[in-house]
Amino acid sequence: MWELRFSRFLTFVLHDYDDTVVLSWSFSLGDYVDERGWRSSLTDLSTAEIYPKHDVRLPLDIEAVGAEINRIRGSLRLDLGDPSL
């Protein structure tokens, strides 16, 4: 298992198997919200994290892993002021 702390809030975890890897991630939502001075209706925001619904299985290929990390980063971009939400 390999862990990459991408930022203070985002962590990627790579599980290495014989012929494939499984990539997952977590985002420390509680710390992110607290650092910005925001509040939430959650009682214990300090433990609030978000995770993917499904992890991704990839071939043993560094370029495939890099492409998936970039895809995940793109999917995490969220404009809370976007009226289309």
C-alpha atoms as a PDB file:
ATOM      1  CA  MET A   1       0.000   0.000   0.000  1.00  0.00           C
ATOM      2  CA  TRP A   2       1.274   3.454  -0.937  1.00  0.00           C
ATOM      3  CA  GLU A   3      -0.069   6.763   0.331  1.00  0.00           C
ATOM      4  CA  LEU A   4       0.353  10.169  -1.304  1.00  0.00           C
ATOM      5  CA  ARG A   5      -0.653  13.235   0.717  1.00  0.00           C
ATOM      6  CA  PHE A   6      -1.412  15.368  -2.318  1.00  0.00           C
ATOM      7  CA  SER A   7      -2.384  18.394  -0.231  1.00  0.00           C
ATOM      8  CA  ARG A   8      -3.386  19.172   3.356  1.00  0.00           C
ATOM      9  CA  PHE A   9      -6.854  17.815   2.551  1.00  0.00           C
ATOM     10  CA  LEU A  10      -6.503  15.283  -0.301  1.00  0.00           C
ATOM     11  CA  THR A  11      -4.841  11.876   0.090  1.00  0.00           C
ATOM     12  CA  PHE A  12      -4.479   9.173  -2.557  1.00  0.00           C
ATOM     13  CA  VAL A  13      -3.992   5.525  -1.585  1.00  0.00           C
ATOM     14  CA  LEU A  14      -2.648   2.919  -3.996  1.00  0.00           C
ATOM     15  CA  HIS A  15      -3.027  -0.779  -3.186  1.00  0.00           C
ATOM     16  CA  ASP A  16      -0.474  -2.834  -5.133  1.00  0.00           C
ATOM     17  CA  TYR A  17      -1.489  -6.340  -6.233  1.00  0.00           C
ATOM     18  CA  ASP A  18       0.334  -8.817  -8.483  1.00  0.00           C
ATOM     19  CA  ASP A  19      -0.904  -7.540 -11.836  1.00  0.00           C
ATOM     20  CA  THR A  20      -3.053  -4.495 -11.002  1.00  0.00           C
ATOM     21  CA  VAL A  21      -3.343  -1.604  -8.581  1.00  0.00           C
ATOM     22  CA  VAL A  22      -6.421  -0.180  -6.869  1.00  0.00           C
ATOM     23  CA  LEU A  23      -6.527   3.590  -6.445  1.00  0.00           C
ATOM     24  CA  SER A  24      -8.662   5.347  -3.855  1.00  0.00           C
ATOM     25  CA  TRP A  25      -8.694   8.783  -2.267  1.00  0.00           C
ATOM     26  CA  SER A  26     -10.076  10.713   0.695  1.00  0.00           C
ATOM     27  CA  PHE A  27     -10.707  14.409   1.229  1.00  0.00           C
ATOM     28  CA  SER A  28     -10.710  15.885   4.755  1.00  0.00           C
ATOM     29  CA  LEU A  29     -13.884  17.902   4.392  1.00  0.00           C
ATOM     30  CA  GLY A  30     -14.026  18.837   8.081  1.00  0.00           C
ATOM     31  CA  ASP A  31     -10.561  20.384   8.086  1.00  0.00           C
ATOM     32  CA  TYR A  32     -11.273  22.154   4.787  1.00  0.00           C
ATOM     33  CA  VAL A  33     -14.489  23.701   6.099  1.00  0.00           C
ATOM     34  CA  ASP A  34     -12.952  24.654   9.450  1.00  0.00           C
ATOM     35  CA  GLU A  35      -9.930  26.336   7.862  1.00  0.00           C
ATOM     36  CA  ARG A  36     -12.250  28.588   5.882  1.00  0.00           C
ATOM     37  CA  GLY A  37     -14.226  29.601   8.964  1.00  0.00           C
ATOM     38  CA  TRP A  38     -17.379  27.866   7.744  1.00  0.00           C
ATOM     39  CA  ARG A  39     -19.859  25.879   9.793  1.00  0.00           C
ATOM     40  CA  SER A  40     -21.753  22.680   9.065  1.00  0.00           C
ATOM     41  CA  SER A  41     -24.789  20.984  10.518  1.00  0.00           C
ATOM     42  CA  LEU A  42     -22.639  17.946  11.336  1.00  0.00           C
ATOM     43  CA  THR A  43     -22.016  17.552  15.067  1.00  0.00           C
ATOM     44  CA  ASP A  44     -18.405  16.393  14.775  1.00  0.00           C
ATOM     45  CA  LEU A  45     -17.046  18.007  11.637  1.00  0.00           C
ATOM     46  CA  SER A  46     -13.456  17.132  12.575  1.00  0.00           C
ATOM     47  CA  THR A  47     -13.939  13.571  11.320  1.00  0.00           C
ATOM     48  CA  ALA A  48     -15.925  14.400   8.167  1.00  0.00           C
ATOM     49  CA  GLU A  49     -14.258  12.975   5.061  1.00  0.00           C
ATOM     50  CA  ILE A  50     -15.495  12.218   1.588  1.00  0.00           C
ATOM     51  CA  TYR A  51     -14.492   9.135  -0.401  1.00  0.00           C
ATOM     52  CA  PRO A  52     -15.278   7.749  -3.831  1.00  0.00           C
ATOM     53  CA  LYS A  53     -18.263   5.449  -4.142  1.00  0.00           C
ATOM     54  CA  HIS A  54     -16.032   2.954  -5.982  1.00  0.00           C
ATOM     55  CA  ASP A  55     -12.277   2.550  -6.094  1.00  0.00           C
ATOM     56  CA  VAL A  56     -10.605   2.177  -9.487  1.00  0.00           C
ATOM     57  CA  ARG A  57      -8.611  -0.885 -10.587  1.00  0.00           C
ATOM     58  CA  LEU A  58      -5.787  -0.021 -12.989  1.00  0.00           C
ATOM     59  CA  PRO A  59      -2.984  -1.845 -14.783  1.00  0.00           C
ATOM     60  CA  LEU A  60       0.527  -1.729 -13.331  1.00  0.00           C
ATOM     61  CA  ASP A  61       1.369   1.386 -15.317  1.00  0.00           C
ATOM     62  CA  ILE A  62       2.521   4.700 -13.851  1.00  0.00           C
ATOM     63  CA  GLU A  63       0.954   6.654 -16.725  1.00  0.00           C
ATOM     64  CA  ALA A  64      -2.454   5.041 -16.073  1.00  0.00           C
ATOM     65  CA  VAL A  65      -2.185   5.938 -12.383  1.00  0.00           C
ATOM     66  CA  GLY A  66      -1.179   9.519 -13.214  1.00  0.00           C
ATOM     67  CA  ALA A  67      -4.053   9.902 -15.667  1.00  0.00           C
ATOM     68  CA  GLU A  68      -6.531   8.612 -13.074  1.00  0.00           C
ATOM     69  CA  ILE A  69      -5.212  11.011 -10.421  1.00  0.00           C
ATOM     70  CA  ASN A  70      -5.684  13.882 -12.889  1.00  0.00           C
ATOM     71  CA  ARG A  71      -9.225  12.669 -13.683  1.00  0.00           C
ATOM     72  CA  ILE A  72     -10.072  12.529  -9.969  1.00  0.00           C
ATOM     73  CA  ARG A  73      -8.645  15.991  -9.333  1.00  0.00           C
ATOM     74  CA  GLY A  74     -10.800  17.347 -12.161  1.00  0.00           C
ATOM     75  CA  SER A  75     -13.909  15.721 -10.711  1.00  0.00           C
ATOM     76  CA  LEU A  76     -13.278  17.337  -7.303  1.00  0.00           C
ATOM     77  CA  ARG A  77     -13.431  20.862  -8.695  1.00  0.00           C
ATOM     78  CA  LEU A  78     -16.633  22.429  -7.456  1.00  0.00           C
ATOM     79  CA  ASP A  79     -17.817  26.019  -7.705  1.00  0.00           C
ATOM     80  CA  LEU A  80     -20.214  26.405  -4.764  1.00  0.00           C
ATOM     81  CA  GLY A  81     -21.478  29.648  -6.281  1.00  0.00           C
ATOM     82  CA  ASP A  82     -22.444  28.011  -9.576  1.00  0.00           C
ATOM     83  CA  PRO A  83     -26.203  28.629 -10.059  1.00  0.00           C
ATOM     84  CA  SER A  84     -26.543  25.396 -12.039  1.00  0.00           C
ATOM     85  CA  LEU A  85     -25.942  23.373  -8.876  1.00  0.00           C
END
